Amino acid sequence: MIDIELDHIIHYIHGLKRFEFPGKYLEIQYGGQHESLGTFNRLVQIDLSYIELLDIYNQGKMKQQSKTQNGKYSFAKAIMESDYKQGFKKLCFRTHDIVKLKKAFEARGLETVGPITMTRENKKGHSVQWQLLYVNNHHFDMMMPFFIQWQKTDEEREAELEENFQTNFKIDMVTFLSHQRQTMVENWKQWFDMETVETADRYTILHSPAKKVKFKIVEGKDDAIDTVQFVDQTIDSPVSIRTRGANYQFVPPQE
């Protein structure tokens, strides 16, 4: 079984330094800068899974990086290819052995790029390090997720970050639009060991190997990450927020 679980989703936002969620529904924490990419981020830390809000401070750096072998698979390229349209851009899965994951993907016929070591400074001036793995498939043009292994263990990171956890929320489901729904479903089952939990004429819901987050693939004209759904322990009826090209849905816990 492939060792992956949802790590984060990137939401590209113009003017991020001044951005707040409507009603401040989600709290935003300071992040840091990606010096080589010319971008900076803010974090919506739910638990170890989070939303990465991202903006550009040096477009020239980002354009230059997107032309490299590594950069053409990155969120920088995804932002440029969408003509800088705001919204969700990339999804990242966390793994605990990125070299083992690379070998597993290659055994399944996928091309990989990496692992690539990256770093940024956090708000305390400390270096945060991680490795990234990208996957390429020439026959499937739907945007691919990428994969991360943090330098520190889950337990170490949880101890460092738990003061920022928003414990009344849990990321429950991510909804994609895809003009190749059936192809995407079959590929994600084959590549990532996903399981079908529900299917209908226009959508299929998959469960990740970690059984923590579901992925809903909906028939659409374009390929996009459309919605992130949270379970909110504090509400009795659903709440929907659309902001900066992205949909955030909040549902009460099931009884």
C-alpha atoms as a PDB file:
ATOM      1  CA  MET A   1       0.000   0.000   0.000  1.00  0.00           C
ATOM      2  CA  ILE A   2       1.319   3.450  -0.985  1.00  0.00           C
ATOM      3  CA  ASP A   3       2.212   5.553   2.088  1.00  0.00           C
ATOM      4  CA  ILE A   4       0.556   8.912   1.390  1.00  0.00           C
ATOM      5  CA  GLU A   5      -1.910  11.212   3.103  1.00  0.00           C
ATOM      6  CA  LEU A   6      -3.071  14.754   2.413  1.00  0.00           C
ATOM      7  CA  ASP A   7      -0.464  17.323   3.439  1.00  0.00           C
ATOM      8  CA  HIS A   8      -1.671  20.608   1.964  1.00  0.00           C
ATOM      9  CA  ILE A   9      -3.543  22.411  -0.804  1.00  0.00           C
ATOM     10  CA  ILE A  10      -2.173  25.578  -2.420  1.00  0.00           C
ATOM     11  CA  HIS A  11      -4.547  28.540  -2.839  1.00  0.00           C
ATOM     12  CA  TYR A  12      -3.044  31.336  -4.945  1.00  0.00           C
ATOM     13  CA  ILE A  13      -4.198  34.809  -3.840  1.00  0.00           C
ATOM     14  CA  HIS A  14      -3.362  38.298  -5.127  1.00  0.00           C
ATOM     15  CA  GLY A  15      -2.589  40.759  -2.321  1.00  0.00           C
ATOM     16  CA  LEU A  16      -2.179  38.018   0.267  1.00  0.00           C
ATOM     17  CA  LYS A  17      -0.691  40.328   2.896  1.00  0.00           C
ATOM     18  CA  ARG A  18      -4.081  42.067   3.207  1.00  0.00           C
ATOM     19  CA  PHE A  19      -6.255  38.970   2.799  1.00  0.00           C
ATOM     20  CA  GLU A  20      -8.663  37.667   5.430  1.00  0.00           C
ATOM     21  CA  PHE A  21     -11.377  35.047   5.100  1.00  0.00           C
ATOM     22  CA  PRO A  22     -14.910  36.493   5.118  1.00  0.00           C
ATOM     23  CA  GLY A  23     -15.947  36.732   8.742  1.00  0.00           C
ATOM     24  CA  LYS A  24     -12.431  35.551   9.647  1.00  0.00           C
ATOM     25  CA  TYR A  25     -13.918  32.070   9.456  1.00  0.00           C
ATOM     26  CA  LEU A  26     -10.455  30.487   9.245  1.00  0.00           C
ATOM     27  CA  GLU A  27      -7.407  31.806  11.085  1.00  0.00           C
ATOM     28  CA  ILE A  28      -4.319  32.633   9.030  1.00  0.00           C
ATOM     29  CA  GLN A  29      -0.799  32.141  10.403  1.00  0.00           C
ATOM     30  CA  TYR A  30       2.415  33.711   9.155  1.00  0.00           C
ATOM     31  CA  GLY A  31       4.433  31.421   6.892  1.00  0.00           C
ATOM     32  CA  GLY A  32       7.637  32.413   5.109  1.00  0.00           C
ATOM     33  CA  GLN A  33       9.335  33.000   1.759  1.00  0.00           C
ATOM     34  CA  HIS A  34      10.452  30.617  -0.981  1.00  0.00           C
ATOM     35  CA  GLU A  35      13.542  32.520  -2.058  1.00  0.00           C
ATOM     36  CA  SER A  36      14.234  30.524  -5.222  1.00  0.00           C
ATOM     37  CA  LEU A  37      10.621  30.819  -6.414  1.00  0.00           C
ATOM     38  CA  GLY A  38       9.957  34.456  -5.559  1.00  0.00           C
ATOM     39  CA  THR A  39       6.847  33.528  -3.571  1.00  0.00           C
ATOM     40  CA  PHE A  40       5.689  33.786   0.042  1.00  0.00           C
ATOM     41  CA  ASN A  41       2.947  32.060   1.962  1.00  0.00           C
ATOM     42  CA  ARG A  42       0.496  32.183   4.853  1.00  0.00           C
ATOM     43  CA  LEU A  43      -0.862  29.012   6.470  1.00  0.00           C
ATOM     44  CA  VAL A  44      -4.300  27.828   7.561  1.00  0.00           C
ATOM     45  CA  GLN A  45      -3.135  25.103   9.920  1.00  0.00           C
ATOM     46  CA  ILE A  46      -5.987  22.655  10.589  1.00  0.00           C
ATOM     47  CA  ASP A  47      -3.761  19.871  11.941  1.00  0.00           C
ATOM     48  CA  LEU A  48      -0.766  18.504  10.043  1.00  0.00           C
ATOM     49  CA  SER A  49      -2.973  18.966   6.970  1.00  0.00           C
ATOM     50  CA  TYR A  50      -3.356  22.602   5.992  1.00  0.00           C
ATOM     51  CA  ILE A  51      -4.185  25.186   3.342  1.00  0.00           C
ATOM     52  CA  GLU A  52      -1.193  27.070   1.973  1.00  0.00           C
ATOM     53  CA  LEU A  53      -2.153  30.580   0.866  1.00  0.00           C
ATOM     54  CA  LEU A  54       0.449  31.778  -1.613  1.00  0.00           C
ATOM     55  CA  ASP A  55       1.382  34.989  -3.418  1.00  0.00           C
ATOM     56  CA  ILE A  56       4.268  36.288  -5.545  1.00  0.00           C
ATOM     57  CA  TYR A  57       6.804  38.916  -4.483  1.00  0.00           C
ATOM     58  CA  ASN A  58       9.184  38.495  -7.444  1.00  0.00           C
ATOM     59  CA  GLN A  59       7.518  37.440 -10.677  1.00  0.00           C
ATOM     60  CA  GLY A  60      10.831  37.333 -12.539  1.00  0.00           C
ATOM     61  CA  LYS A  61      12.213  34.721 -10.146  1.00  0.00           C
ATOM     62  CA  MET A  62       9.082  32.641 -10.483  1.00  0.00           C
ATOM     63  CA  LYS A  63       9.157  32.749 -14.284  1.00  0.00           C
ATOM     64  CA  GLN A  64      12.827  31.783 -14.320  1.00  0.00           C
ATOM     65  CA  GLN A  65      12.267  28.855 -11.932  1.00  0.00           C
ATOM     66  CA  SER A  66       9.267  27.588 -13.910  1.00  0.00           C
ATOM     67  CA  LYS A  67      11.536  27.019 -16.921  1.00  0.00           C
ATOM     68  CA  THR A  68      13.828  24.603 -15.075  1.00  0.00           C
ATOM     69  CA  GLN A  69      13.449  20.805 -15.125  1.00  0.00           C
ATOM     70  CA  ASN A  70      12.125  20.849 -11.562  1.00  0.00           C
ATOM     71  CA  GLY A  71      10.107  24.041 -11.869  1.00  0.00           C
ATOM     72  CA  LYS A  72       7.944  22.896 -14.772  1.00  0.00           C
ATOM     73  CA  TYR A  73       6.083  20.561 -12.402  1.00  0.00           C
ATOM     74  CA  SER A  74       5.761  23.090  -9.559  1.00  0.00           C
ATOM     75  CA  PHE A  75       2.953  25.318  -8.358  1.00  0.00           C
ATOM     76  CA  ALA A  76       4.781  28.217 -10.044  1.00  0.00           C
ATOM     77  CA  LYS A  77       4.127  26.649 -13.449  1.00  0.00           C
ATOM     78  CA  ALA A  78       0.508  25.915 -12.492  1.00  0.00           C
ATOM     79  CA  ILE A  79      -0.033  29.571 -11.562  1.00  0.00           C
ATOM     80  CA  MET A  80       1.476  30.804 -14.816  1.00  0.00           C
ATOM     81  CA  GLU A  81      -0.465  28.324 -16.971  1.00  0.00           C
ATOM     82  CA  SER A  82      -3.718  29.565 -15.431  1.00  0.00           C
ATOM     83  CA  ASP A  83      -2.744  33.134 -16.454  1.00  0.00           C
ATOM     84  CA  TYR A  84      -2.379  34.083 -12.774  1.00  0.00           C
ATOM     85  CA  LYS A  85      -6.011  33.318 -12.035  1.00  0.00           C
ATOM     86  CA  GLN A  86      -6.723  33.070  -8.317  1.00  0.00           C
ATOM     87  CA  GLY A  87      -7.847  29.777  -6.820  1.00  0.00           C
ATOM     88  CA  PHE A  88      -6.629  26.344  -5.755  1.00  0.00           C
ATOM     89  CA  LYS A  89      -3.581  25.335  -7.798  1.00  0.00           C
ATOM     90  CA  LYS A  90      -1.929  22.205  -6.440  1.00  0.00           C
ATOM     91  CA  LEU A  91      -2.474  19.380  -3.992  1.00  0.00           C
ATOM     92  CA  CYS A  92       0.336  17.761  -2.042  1.00  0.00           C
ATOM     93  CA  PHE A  93       0.493  14.357  -0.349  1.00  0.00           C
ATOM     94  CA  ARG A  94       2.813  13.657   2.574  1.00  0.00           C
ATOM     95  CA  THR A  95       4.931  10.506   2.767  1.00  0.00           C
ATOM     96  CA  HIS A  96       7.390   9.152   5.322  1.00  0.00           C
ATOM     97  CA  ASP A  97       9.869   7.615   2.841  1.00  0.00           C
ATOM     98  CA  ILE A  98      10.090   9.593  -0.364  1.00  0.00           C
ATOM     99  CA  VAL A  99      12.770   7.370  -1.925  1.00  0.00           C
ATOM    100  CA  LYS A 100      10.586   4.296  -1.389  1.00  0.00           C
ATOM    101  CA  LEU A 101       7.638   6.205  -2.874  1.00  0.00           C
ATOM    102  CA  LYS A 102       9.702   7.159  -5.929  1.00  0.00           C
ATOM    103  CA  LYS A 103      10.597   3.502  -6.519  1.00  0.00           C
ATOM    104  CA  ALA A 104       6.959   2.440  -6.117  1.00  0.00           C
ATOM    105  CA  PHE A 105       5.788   5.007  -8.691  1.00  0.00           C
ATOM    106  CA  GLU A 106       8.478   4.013 -11.180  1.00  0.00           C
ATOM    107  CA  ALA A 107       7.497   0.358 -10.731  1.00  0.00           C
ATOM    108  CA  ARG A 108       3.973   1.425 -11.731  1.00  0.00           C
ATOM    109  CA  GLY A 109       5.257   2.991 -14.940  1.00  0.00           C
ATOM    110  CA  LEU A 110       5.403   6.634 -13.861  1.00  0.00           C
ATOM    111  CA  GLU A 111       8.201   9.111 -14.544  1.00  0.00           C
ATOM    112  CA  THR A 112       9.468  10.927 -11.461  1.00  0.00           C
ATOM    113  CA  VAL A 113      11.515  14.069 -10.823  1.00  0.00           C
ATOM    114  CA  GLY A 114      13.321  14.291  -7.494  1.00  0.00           C
ATOM    115  CA  PRO A 115      13.535  14.062  -4.590  1.00  0.00           C
ATOM    116  CA  ILE A 116      14.437  17.758  -4.477  1.00  0.00           C
ATOM    117  CA  THR A 117      15.598  19.322  -1.198  1.00  0.00           C
ATOM    118  CA  MET A 118      14.014  22.687  -0.388  1.00  0.00           C
ATOM    119  CA  THR A 119      14.074  25.139   2.497  1.00  0.00           C
ATOM    120  CA  ARG A 120      12.525  28.336   3.806  1.00  0.00           C
ATOM    121  CA  GLU A 121      12.763  30.441   6.955  1.00  0.00           C
ATOM    122  CA  ASN A 122       9.822  30.457   9.377  1.00  0.00           C
ATOM    123  CA  LYS A 123       8.638  33.400  11.471  1.00  0.00           C
ATOM    124  CA  LYS A 124      11.247  32.617  14.165  1.00  0.00           C
ATOM    125  CA  GLY A 125      14.069  32.697  11.637  1.00  0.00           C
ATOM    126  CA  HIS A 126      14.567  28.957  11.778  1.00  0.00           C
ATOM    127  CA  SER A 127      15.152  26.913   8.658  1.00  0.00           C
ATOM    128  CA  VAL A 128      12.353  24.545   7.621  1.00  0.00           C
ATOM    129  CA  GLN A 129      13.495  21.783   5.273  1.00  0.00           C
ATOM    130  CA  TRP A 130      11.702  19.205   3.169  1.00  0.00           C
ATOM    131  CA  GLN A 131      12.039  17.061   0.044  1.00  0.00           C
ATOM    132  CA  LEU A 132       9.679  17.121  -2.942  1.00  0.00           C
ATOM    133  CA  LEU A 133       8.871  14.487  -5.531  1.00  0.00           C
ATOM    134  CA  TYR A 134       7.079  15.254  -8.794  1.00  0.00           C
ATOM    135  CA  VAL A 135       5.365  12.769 -11.086  1.00  0.00           C
ATOM    136  CA  ASN A 136       4.934  13.135 -14.838  1.00  0.00           C
ATOM    137  CA  ASN A 137       2.617  11.213 -17.127  1.00  0.00           C
ATOM    138  CA  HIS A 138       2.577  12.236 -20.789  1.00  0.00           C
ATOM    139  CA  HIS A 139      -0.734  10.499 -21.522  1.00  0.00           C
ATOM    140  CA  PHE A 140      -2.758  12.195 -18.809  1.00  0.00           C
ATOM    141  CA  ASP A 141      -2.919  15.975 -18.823  1.00  0.00           C
ATOM    142  CA  MET A 142      -4.934  16.453 -15.638  1.00  0.00           C
ATOM    143  CA  MET A 143      -2.841  18.319 -13.061  1.00  0.00           C
ATOM    144  CA  MET A 144      -0.891  15.869 -10.934  1.00  0.00           C
ATOM    145  CA  PRO A 145      -0.422  16.101  -7.179  1.00  0.00           C
ATOM    146  CA  PHE A 146       3.096  16.320  -5.829  1.00  0.00           C
ATOM    147  CA  PHE A 147       4.650  14.654  -2.798  1.00  0.00           C
ATOM    148  CA  ILE A 148       6.558  15.834   0.261  1.00  0.00           C
ATOM    149  CA  GLN A 149       8.662  14.374   3.035  1.00  0.00           C
ATOM    150  CA  TRP A 150       9.385  16.760   5.880  1.00  0.00           C
ATOM    151  CA  GLN A 151      12.796  16.680   7.519  1.00  0.00           C
ATOM    152  CA  LYS A 152      11.170  16.261  10.944  1.00  0.00           C
ATOM    153  CA  THR A 153       8.836  13.484  12.025  1.00  0.00           C
ATOM    154  CA  ASP A 154       5.073  13.934  12.297  1.00  0.00           C
ATOM    155  CA  GLU A 155       5.413  13.896  16.086  1.00  0.00           C
ATOM    156  CA  GLU A 156       8.091  16.601  16.090  1.00  0.00           C
ATOM    157  CA  ARG A 157       6.106  18.790  13.723  1.00  0.00           C
ATOM    158  CA  GLU A 158       2.902  18.305  15.689  1.00  0.00           C
ATOM    159  CA  ALA A 159       4.644  19.416  18.897  1.00  0.00           C
ATOM    160  CA  GLU A 160       5.931  22.547  17.122  1.00  0.00           C
ATOM    161  CA  LEU A 161       2.697  23.442  15.316  1.00  0.00           C
ATOM    162  CA  GLU A 162      -0.147  22.312  17.573  1.00  0.00           C
ATOM    163  CA  GLU A 163      -0.621  25.768  19.106  1.00  0.00           C
ATOM    164  CA  ASN A 164      -1.818  26.872  15.648  1.00  0.00           C
ATOM    165  CA  PHE A 165      -4.130  23.889  15.046  1.00  0.00           C
ATOM    166  CA  GLN A 166      -7.793  24.795  14.509  1.00  0.00           C
ATOM    167  CA  THR A 167      -9.161  21.740  16.267  1.00  0.00           C
ATOM    168  CA  ASN A 168     -12.852  22.412  15.601  1.00  0.00           C
ATOM    169  CA  PHE A 169     -12.169  21.773  11.869  1.00  0.00           C
ATOM    170  CA  LYS A 170     -11.164  18.687   9.930  1.00  0.00           C
ATOM    171  CA  ILE A 171     -10.497  18.527   6.180  1.00  0.00           C
ATOM    172  CA  ASP A 172     -13.033  15.973   4.988  1.00  0.00           C
ATOM    173  CA  MET A 173     -13.072  16.078   1.180  1.00  0.00           C
ATOM    174  CA  VAL A 174     -11.426  17.746  -1.819  1.00  0.00           C
ATOM    175  CA  THR A 175     -13.480  18.128  -5.003  1.00  0.00           C
ATOM    176  CA  PHE A 176     -11.873  18.136  -8.462  1.00  0.00           C
ATOM    177  CA  LEU A 177     -13.394  18.992 -11.805  1.00  0.00           C
ATOM    178  CA  SER A 178     -12.038  16.822 -14.613  1.00  0.00           C
ATOM    179  CA  HIS A 179     -12.821  16.483 -18.292  1.00  0.00           C
ATOM    180  CA  GLN A 180     -11.341  12.968 -18.012  1.00  0.00           C
ATOM    181  CA  ARG A 181     -13.161  11.801 -14.910  1.00  0.00           C
ATOM    182  CA  GLN A 182     -13.005   8.061 -15.561  1.00  0.00           C
ATOM    183  CA  THR A 183      -9.350   8.225 -16.582  1.00  0.00           C
ATOM    184  CA  MET A 184      -8.479  10.220 -13.473  1.00  0.00           C
ATOM    185  CA  VAL A 185     -10.397   7.815 -11.234  1.00  0.00           C
ATOM    186  CA  GLU A 186      -8.709   4.733 -12.683  1.00  0.00           C
ATOM    187  CA  ASN A 187      -5.276   6.335 -12.572  1.00  0.00           C
ATOM    188  CA  TRP A 188      -5.622   7.461  -8.959  1.00  0.00           C
ATOM    189  CA  LYS A 189      -6.767   3.983  -7.987  1.00  0.00           C
ATOM    190  CA  GLN A 190      -3.853   2.369  -9.825  1.00  0.00           C
ATOM    191  CA  TRP A 191      -1.139   4.868  -8.910  1.00  0.00           C
ATOM    192  CA  PHE A 192      -2.148   5.930  -5.394  1.00  0.00           C
ATOM    193  CA  ASP A 193      -4.084   2.904  -4.080  1.00  0.00           C
ATOM    194  CA  MET A 194      -7.329   4.891  -3.763  1.00  0.00           C
ATOM    195  CA  GLU A 195     -10.619   3.042  -3.175  1.00  0.00           C
ATOM    196  CA  THR A 196     -14.057   3.939  -4.578  1.00  0.00           C
ATOM    197  CA  VAL A 197     -16.563   4.761  -1.832  1.00  0.00           C
ATOM    198  CA  GLU A 198     -19.354   6.208  -4.001  1.00  0.00           C
ATOM    199  CA  THR A 199     -20.054   6.634  -7.695  1.00  0.00           C
ATOM    200  CA  ALA A 200     -22.782   8.224  -9.811  1.00  0.00           C
ATOM    201  CA  ASP A 201     -23.312   9.418 -13.388  1.00  0.00           C
ATOM    202  CA  ARG A 202     -21.252  12.590 -13.017  1.00  0.00           C
ATOM    203  CA  TYR A 203     -18.954  11.973 -10.051  1.00  0.00           C
ATOM    204  CA  THR A 204     -16.890   9.401  -8.189  1.00  0.00           C
ATOM    205  CA  ILE A 205     -15.684   9.666  -4.589  1.00  0.00           C
ATOM    206  CA  LEU A 206     -12.378   8.026  -3.689  1.00  0.00           C
ATOM    207  CA  HIS A 207     -10.832   7.392  -0.286  1.00  0.00           C
ATOM    208  CA  SER A 208      -7.132   7.849   0.327  1.00  0.00           C
ATOM    209  CA  PRO A 209      -5.011   4.972   1.653  1.00  0.00           C
ATOM    210  CA  ALA A 210      -4.817   6.747   5.033  1.00  0.00           C
ATOM    211  CA  LYS A 211      -8.670   6.772   5.178  1.00  0.00           C
ATOM    212  CA  LYS A 212      -8.667  10.363   6.415  1.00  0.00           C
ATOM    213  CA  VAL A 213      -9.674  12.470   3.398  1.00  0.00           C
ATOM    214  CA  LYS A 214     -11.982  11.733   0.461  1.00  0.00           C
ATOM    215  CA  PHE A 215     -11.500  12.963  -3.100  1.00  0.00           C
ATOM    216  CA  LYS A 216     -14.546  13.707  -5.244  1.00  0.00           C
ATOM    217  CA  ILE A 217     -13.949  13.674  -9.005  1.00  0.00           C
ATOM    218  CA  VAL A 218     -16.720  15.525 -10.872  1.00  0.00           C
ATOM    219  CA  GLU A 219     -17.273  15.627 -14.642  1.00  0.00           C
ATOM    220  CA  GLY A 220     -16.334  19.072 -15.924  1.00  0.00           C
ATOM    221  CA  LYS A 221     -15.130  20.996 -18.964  1.00  0.00           C
ATOM    222  CA  ASP A 222     -11.829  21.934 -17.371  1.00  0.00           C
ATOM    223  CA  ASP A 223      -9.418  20.411 -14.854  1.00  0.00           C
ATOM    224  CA  ALA A 224      -9.361  22.181 -11.507  1.00  0.00           C
ATOM    225  CA  ILE A 225      -9.346  21.790  -7.753  1.00  0.00           C
ATOM    226  CA  ASP A 226     -12.784  23.245  -7.066  1.00  0.00           C
ATOM    227  CA  THR A 227     -13.722  22.846  -3.397  1.00  0.00           C
ATOM    228  CA  VAL A 228     -12.281  21.939  -0.013  1.00  0.00           C
ATOM    229  CA  GLN A 229     -14.854  20.634   2.463  1.00  0.00           C
ATOM    230  CA  PHE A 230     -14.351  20.765   6.216  1.00  0.00           C
ATOM    231  CA  VAL A 231     -16.243  19.198   9.075  1.00  0.00           C
ATOM    232  CA  ASP A 232     -16.928  22.034  11.552  1.00  0.00           C
ATOM    233  CA  GLN A 233     -17.748  20.922  15.079  1.00  0.00           C
ATOM    234  CA  THR A 234     -19.364  24.278  15.925  1.00  0.00           C
ATOM    235  CA  ILE A 235     -22.182  24.428  13.325  1.00  0.00           C
ATOM    236  CA  ASP A 236     -25.585  22.783  12.882  1.00  0.00           C
ATOM    237  CA  SER A 237     -26.088  23.586   9.181  1.00  0.00           C
ATOM    238  CA  PRO A 238     -23.729  23.910   6.182  1.00  0.00           C
ATOM    239  CA  VAL A 239     -21.786  27.097   5.463  1.00  0.00           C
ATOM    240  CA  SER A 240     -20.258  27.951   2.058  1.00  0.00           C
ATOM    241  CA  ILE A 241     -17.613  30.571   1.339  1.00  0.00           C
ATOM    242  CA  ARG A 242     -16.325  31.472  -2.112  1.00  0.00           C
ATOM    243  CA  THR A 243     -13.274  33.680  -1.993  1.00  0.00           C
ATOM    244  CA  ARG A 244     -10.481  34.479  -4.439  1.00  0.00           C
ATOM    245  CA  GLY A 245     -11.533  31.840  -6.961  1.00  0.00           C
ATOM    246  CA  ALA A 246     -11.876  28.991  -4.450  1.00  0.00           C
ATOM    247  CA  ASN A 247     -14.784  27.269  -2.708  1.00  0.00           C
ATOM    248  CA  TYR A 248     -14.669  26.445   0.996  1.00  0.00           C
ATOM    249  CA  GLN A 249     -17.515  24.376   2.396  1.00  0.00           C
ATOM    250  CA  PHE A 250     -18.200  23.632   6.054  1.00  0.00           C
ATOM    251  CA  VAL A 251     -20.547  20.877   7.161  1.00  0.00           C
ATOM    252  CA  PRO A 252     -21.682  19.852  10.659  1.00  0.00           C
ATOM    253  CA  PRO A 253     -20.426  16.539  12.058  1.00  0.00           C
ATOM    254  CA  GLN A 254     -22.520  13.519  11.166  1.00  0.00           C
ATOM    255  CA  GLU A 255     -24.456  12.014  14.037  1.00  0.00           C
END
